[in-house]
N, C-alpha and C. Protein backbone atom coordinates (compact mmCIF):
# COMPACT_ATOMS: atom_id res chain seq x y z
N MET A 1 16.33 41.31 -19.44
CA MET A 1 17.63 41.33 -18.90
C MET A 1 17.52 41.16 -17.37
N ILE A 2 16.68 41.81 -16.73
CA ILE A 2 16.51 41.71 -15.27
C ILE A 2 16.03 40.31 -14.97
N TRP A 3 15.10 39.80 -15.82
CA TRP A 3 14.59 38.46 -15.59
C TRP A 3 15.66 37.40 -15.74
N ASP A 4 16.56 37.54 -16.70
CA ASP A 4 17.65 36.59 -16.87
C ASP A 4 18.63 36.63 -15.68
N LEU A 5 18.88 37.79 -15.13
CA LEU A 5 19.77 37.95 -13.98
C LEU A 5 19.08 37.29 -12.79
N TRP A 6 17.79 37.49 -12.62
CA TRP A 6 17.04 36.91 -11.51
C TRP A 6 17.08 35.37 -11.61
N LYS A 7 16.84 34.83 -12.83
CA LYS A 7 16.88 33.37 -13.07
C LYS A 7 18.24 32.81 -12.72
N LYS A 8 19.31 33.42 -13.12
CA LYS A 8 20.66 32.99 -12.82
C LYS A 8 20.88 32.93 -11.35
N GLY A 9 20.50 34.00 -10.66
CA GLY A 9 20.61 34.02 -9.19
C GLY A 9 19.80 32.94 -8.50
N PHE A 10 18.61 32.72 -8.99
CA PHE A 10 17.73 31.67 -8.45
C PHE A 10 18.36 30.33 -8.62
N TYR A 11 18.85 30.04 -9.84
CA TYR A 11 19.48 28.72 -10.11
C TYR A 11 20.69 28.52 -9.28
N ALA A 12 21.50 29.55 -9.07
CA ALA A 12 22.67 29.43 -8.25
C ALA A 12 22.25 29.13 -6.77
N TRP A 13 21.25 29.82 -6.28
CA TRP A 13 20.70 29.58 -4.87
C TRP A 13 20.15 28.14 -4.75
N GLU A 14 19.42 27.76 -5.78
CA GLU A 14 18.79 26.38 -5.76
C GLU A 14 19.86 25.32 -5.71
N ASP A 15 20.93 25.48 -6.57
CA ASP A 15 22.00 24.51 -6.60
C ASP A 15 22.71 24.41 -5.27
N ALA A 16 23.06 25.52 -4.67
CA ALA A 16 23.73 25.54 -3.37
C ALA A 16 22.87 24.94 -2.30
N THR A 17 21.58 25.28 -2.32
CA THR A 17 20.67 24.74 -1.28
C THR A 17 20.52 23.25 -1.44
N ALA A 18 20.39 22.77 -2.68
CA ALA A 18 20.20 21.36 -2.93
C ALA A 18 21.43 20.57 -2.43
N LYS A 19 22.60 21.07 -2.71
CA LYS A 19 23.83 20.35 -2.24
C LYS A 19 23.85 20.36 -0.68
N TYR A 20 23.48 21.44 -0.06
CA TYR A 20 23.51 21.49 1.40
C TYR A 20 22.50 20.50 2.00
N VAL A 21 21.29 20.54 1.43
CA VAL A 21 20.20 19.64 2.01
C VAL A 21 20.54 18.19 1.74
N GLU A 22 21.10 17.91 0.56
CA GLU A 22 21.46 16.50 0.22
C GLU A 22 22.54 16.00 1.17
N GLY A 23 23.48 16.86 1.52
CA GLY A 23 24.49 16.50 2.45
C GLY A 23 23.92 16.14 3.81
N TRP A 24 22.99 16.94 4.27
CA TRP A 24 22.37 16.70 5.58
C TRP A 24 21.48 15.46 5.55
N THR A 25 20.79 15.18 4.48
CA THR A 25 19.89 14.01 4.42
C THR A 25 20.68 12.71 4.39
N LYS A 26 21.98 12.77 4.01
CA LYS A 26 22.79 11.59 4.07
C LYS A 26 23.62 11.43 5.37
N SER A 27 23.50 12.41 6.21
CA SER A 27 24.28 12.47 7.41
C SER A 27 23.82 11.47 8.49
N PRO A 28 24.70 10.74 9.14
CA PRO A 28 24.22 9.86 10.23
C PRO A 28 23.61 10.59 11.38
N LEU A 29 23.97 11.87 11.54
CA LEU A 29 23.39 12.70 12.60
C LEU A 29 21.90 12.92 12.43
N LEU A 30 21.45 12.88 11.18
CA LEU A 30 20.02 12.97 10.90
C LEU A 30 19.36 11.62 10.75
N LEU A 31 20.05 10.70 10.08
CA LEU A 31 19.45 9.37 9.80
C LEU A 31 19.28 8.54 11.05
N GLY A 32 20.18 8.57 12.01
CA GLY A 32 20.07 7.76 13.16
C GLY A 32 18.81 8.08 13.99
N PRO A 33 18.71 9.33 14.42
CA PRO A 33 17.48 9.68 15.21
C PRO A 33 16.18 9.56 14.39
N SER A 34 16.24 9.83 13.08
CA SER A 34 15.01 9.69 12.23
C SER A 34 14.60 8.22 12.19
N GLY A 35 15.61 7.32 12.06
CA GLY A 35 15.29 5.91 12.01
C GLY A 35 14.69 5.42 13.31
N MET A 36 15.21 5.89 14.47
CA MET A 36 14.69 5.51 15.71
C MET A 36 13.30 6.05 15.91
N MET A 37 13.01 7.28 15.45
CA MET A 37 11.65 7.83 15.58
C MET A 37 10.70 7.01 14.67
N LEU A 38 11.10 6.63 13.50
CA LEU A 38 10.27 5.90 12.63
C LEU A 38 9.99 4.50 13.19
N GLY A 39 11.05 3.89 13.76
CA GLY A 39 10.84 2.58 14.44
C GLY A 39 9.88 2.70 15.54
N GLY A 40 10.03 3.67 16.39
CA GLY A 40 9.09 3.88 17.47
C GLY A 40 7.66 4.12 17.08
N ALA A 41 7.51 4.91 15.97
CA ALA A 41 6.16 5.14 15.46
C ALA A 41 5.53 3.87 14.92
N MET A 42 6.36 3.06 14.28
CA MET A 42 5.81 1.82 13.76
C MET A 42 5.43 0.84 14.85
N LYS A 43 6.22 0.77 15.93
CA LYS A 43 5.85 -0.04 17.08
C LYS A 43 4.61 0.42 17.74
N ALA A 44 4.42 1.75 17.82
CA ALA A 44 3.20 2.33 18.45
C ALA A 44 2.00 2.00 17.55
N LYS A 45 2.14 2.10 16.25
CA LYS A 45 1.06 1.80 15.31
C LYS A 45 0.65 0.34 15.42
N ALA A 46 1.70 -0.54 15.50
CA ALA A 46 1.38 -2.00 15.61
C ALA A 46 0.63 -2.24 16.96
N ALA A 47 1.06 -1.61 18.04
CA ALA A 47 0.34 -1.82 19.28
C ALA A 47 -1.10 -1.32 19.21
N TYR A 48 -1.23 -0.16 18.56
CA TYR A 48 -2.62 0.42 18.41
C TYR A 48 -3.48 -0.49 17.59
N ASP A 49 -2.91 -0.99 16.47
CA ASP A 49 -3.74 -1.89 15.58
C ASP A 49 -4.12 -3.14 16.31
N LYS A 50 -3.22 -3.68 17.12
CA LYS A 50 -3.48 -4.92 17.86
C LYS A 50 -4.61 -4.66 18.91
N ALA A 51 -4.50 -3.55 19.62
CA ALA A 51 -5.52 -3.20 20.64
C ALA A 51 -6.88 -2.92 19.96
N ALA A 52 -6.88 -2.22 18.85
CA ALA A 52 -8.13 -1.90 18.16
C ALA A 52 -8.80 -3.20 17.66
N SER A 53 -7.94 -4.09 17.07
CA SER A 53 -8.48 -5.35 16.61
C SER A 53 -9.08 -6.22 17.73
N SER A 54 -8.37 -6.23 18.84
CA SER A 54 -8.86 -6.95 20.00
C SER A 54 -10.16 -6.38 20.53
N TRP A 55 -10.25 -5.06 20.55
CA TRP A 55 -11.43 -4.39 21.04
C TRP A 55 -12.62 -4.69 20.15
N VAL A 56 -12.39 -4.58 18.86
CA VAL A 56 -13.50 -4.87 17.88
C VAL A 56 -13.87 -6.38 17.99
N GLY A 57 -12.91 -7.24 18.08
CA GLY A 57 -13.20 -8.66 18.19
C GLY A 57 -14.00 -9.00 19.46
N ASN A 58 -13.67 -8.31 20.58
CA ASN A 58 -14.38 -8.54 21.82
C ASN A 58 -15.88 -8.07 21.74
N LEU A 59 -16.10 -7.11 20.83
CA LEU A 59 -17.50 -6.69 20.64
C LEU A 59 -18.29 -7.64 19.79
N GLY A 60 -17.55 -8.67 19.26
CA GLY A 60 -18.28 -9.64 18.41
C GLY A 60 -18.36 -9.26 16.97
N LEU A 61 -17.60 -8.21 16.58
CA LEU A 61 -17.66 -7.79 15.19
C LEU A 61 -16.46 -8.41 14.46
N ALA A 62 -16.58 -8.46 13.12
CA ALA A 62 -15.50 -9.03 12.35
C ALA A 62 -14.35 -8.01 12.27
N THR A 63 -13.13 -8.54 12.51
CA THR A 63 -11.95 -7.68 12.42
C THR A 63 -11.53 -7.54 10.99
N LYS A 64 -10.59 -6.68 10.69
CA LYS A 64 -10.08 -6.58 9.33
C LYS A 64 -9.54 -7.91 8.80
N ARG A 65 -8.85 -8.64 9.66
CA ARG A 65 -8.29 -9.92 9.25
C ARG A 65 -9.42 -10.93 8.93
N ASP A 66 -10.48 -10.94 9.73
CA ASP A 66 -11.61 -11.80 9.43
C ASP A 66 -12.28 -11.45 8.12
N GLN A 67 -12.42 -10.19 7.86
CA GLN A 67 -12.99 -9.67 6.60
C GLN A 67 -12.16 -10.04 5.41
N GLU A 68 -10.82 -9.94 5.60
CA GLU A 68 -9.92 -10.32 4.49
C GLU A 68 -9.99 -11.81 4.17
N ARG A 69 -10.04 -12.59 5.19
CA ARG A 69 -10.23 -14.08 5.03
C ARG A 69 -11.50 -14.43 4.27
N ALA A 70 -12.60 -13.79 4.73
CA ALA A 70 -13.89 -14.08 4.10
C ALA A 70 -13.89 -13.61 2.65
N LEU A 71 -13.26 -12.44 2.37
CA LEU A 71 -13.20 -12.01 1.01
C LEU A 71 -12.39 -12.95 0.15
N HIS A 72 -11.28 -13.45 0.68
CA HIS A 72 -10.48 -14.42 -0.06
C HIS A 72 -11.29 -15.68 -0.40
N VAL A 73 -11.99 -16.19 0.55
CA VAL A 73 -12.81 -17.40 0.28
C VAL A 73 -13.90 -17.07 -0.75
N LEU A 74 -14.51 -15.93 -0.67
CA LEU A 74 -15.54 -15.57 -1.68
C LEU A 74 -14.90 -15.45 -3.06
N ASN A 75 -13.73 -14.92 -3.17
CA ASN A 75 -13.03 -14.83 -4.47
C ASN A 75 -12.74 -16.18 -4.99
N GLN A 76 -12.34 -17.14 -4.18
CA GLN A 76 -12.06 -18.51 -4.59
C GLN A 76 -13.36 -19.17 -5.11
N ILE A 77 -14.46 -18.97 -4.38
CA ILE A 77 -15.74 -19.54 -4.77
C ILE A 77 -16.14 -18.93 -6.11
N GLU A 78 -15.99 -17.62 -6.27
CA GLU A 78 -16.35 -17.01 -7.56
C GLU A 78 -15.55 -17.57 -8.69
N SER A 79 -14.29 -17.76 -8.49
CA SER A 79 -13.41 -18.28 -9.57
C SER A 79 -13.89 -19.70 -9.93
N ARG A 80 -14.14 -20.49 -8.99
CA ARG A 80 -14.62 -21.87 -9.26
C ARG A 80 -16.00 -21.86 -10.00
N LEU A 81 -16.84 -20.97 -9.59
CA LEU A 81 -18.13 -20.84 -10.22
C LEU A 81 -17.99 -20.39 -11.70
N ILE A 82 -17.11 -19.45 -11.93
CA ILE A 82 -16.85 -19.04 -13.31
C ILE A 82 -16.32 -20.16 -14.13
N ASP A 83 -15.38 -20.97 -13.57
CA ASP A 83 -14.84 -22.15 -14.30
C ASP A 83 -15.93 -23.13 -14.63
N LEU A 84 -16.85 -23.42 -13.66
CA LEU A 84 -17.94 -24.33 -13.89
C LEU A 84 -18.91 -23.81 -14.96
N GLU A 85 -19.18 -22.51 -14.97
CA GLU A 85 -20.02 -21.91 -16.02
C GLU A 85 -19.40 -22.09 -17.39
N GLU A 86 -18.03 -21.88 -17.48
CA GLU A 86 -17.39 -22.04 -18.76
C GLU A 86 -17.43 -23.48 -19.23
N ARG A 87 -17.25 -24.39 -18.32
CA ARG A 87 -17.32 -25.85 -18.68
C ARG A 87 -18.72 -26.22 -19.15
N LEU A 88 -19.72 -25.72 -18.44
CA LEU A 88 -21.08 -25.99 -18.80
C LEU A 88 -21.41 -25.41 -20.23
N ALA A 89 -20.93 -24.21 -20.46
CA ALA A 89 -21.17 -23.61 -21.77
C ALA A 89 -20.49 -24.45 -22.88
N GLU A 90 -19.32 -24.95 -22.62
CA GLU A 90 -18.61 -25.78 -23.62
C GLU A 90 -19.36 -27.06 -23.87
N MET A 91 -19.86 -27.67 -22.76
CA MET A 91 -20.65 -28.94 -22.89
C MET A 91 -21.95 -28.71 -23.70
N GLN A 92 -22.58 -27.53 -23.45
CA GLN A 92 -23.80 -27.25 -24.18
C GLN A 92 -23.54 -27.02 -25.61
N LYS A 93 -22.39 -26.41 -25.99
CA LYS A 93 -22.02 -26.21 -27.38
C LYS A 93 -21.78 -27.56 -28.02
N LYS A 94 -21.16 -28.45 -27.34
CA LYS A 94 -20.89 -29.80 -27.91
C LYS A 94 -22.24 -30.55 -28.15
N ASP A 95 -23.13 -30.44 -27.23
CA ASP A 95 -24.47 -31.08 -27.42
C ASP A 95 -25.22 -30.46 -28.50
N ASP A 96 -25.12 -29.12 -28.68
CA ASP A 96 -25.89 -28.47 -29.81
C ASP A 96 -25.33 -28.85 -31.15
N THR A 97 -23.99 -29.11 -31.21
CA THR A 97 -23.43 -29.45 -32.49
C THR A 97 -23.72 -30.90 -32.89
N ARG A 98 -23.99 -31.75 -31.88
CA ARG A 98 -24.36 -33.15 -32.12
C ARG A 98 -25.76 -33.31 -32.64
N THR A 99 -26.63 -32.41 -32.24
CA THR A 99 -28.06 -32.55 -32.63
C THR A 99 -28.30 -31.93 -33.96
């Protein structure tokens, strides 16, 4: 009985709190400054990433972009090699059936 009363009170509190918080999260008073802060943080991160990439590149090391390009080329070569292996296996099967 006490547990049921506590649960009802909790659910009433949770419902009221959820409505209040939902109202604030849709408010332009919260969304405007939050958006500006997020935009500023993204600009700062972009500047940091650019500076870090430049610094690493000036040391003569491969940057993340260089590594991604190299990995892409390696994946293309691997795909072509697999295709050639499959063609070769098909040709060998044809030769084996002829003999």
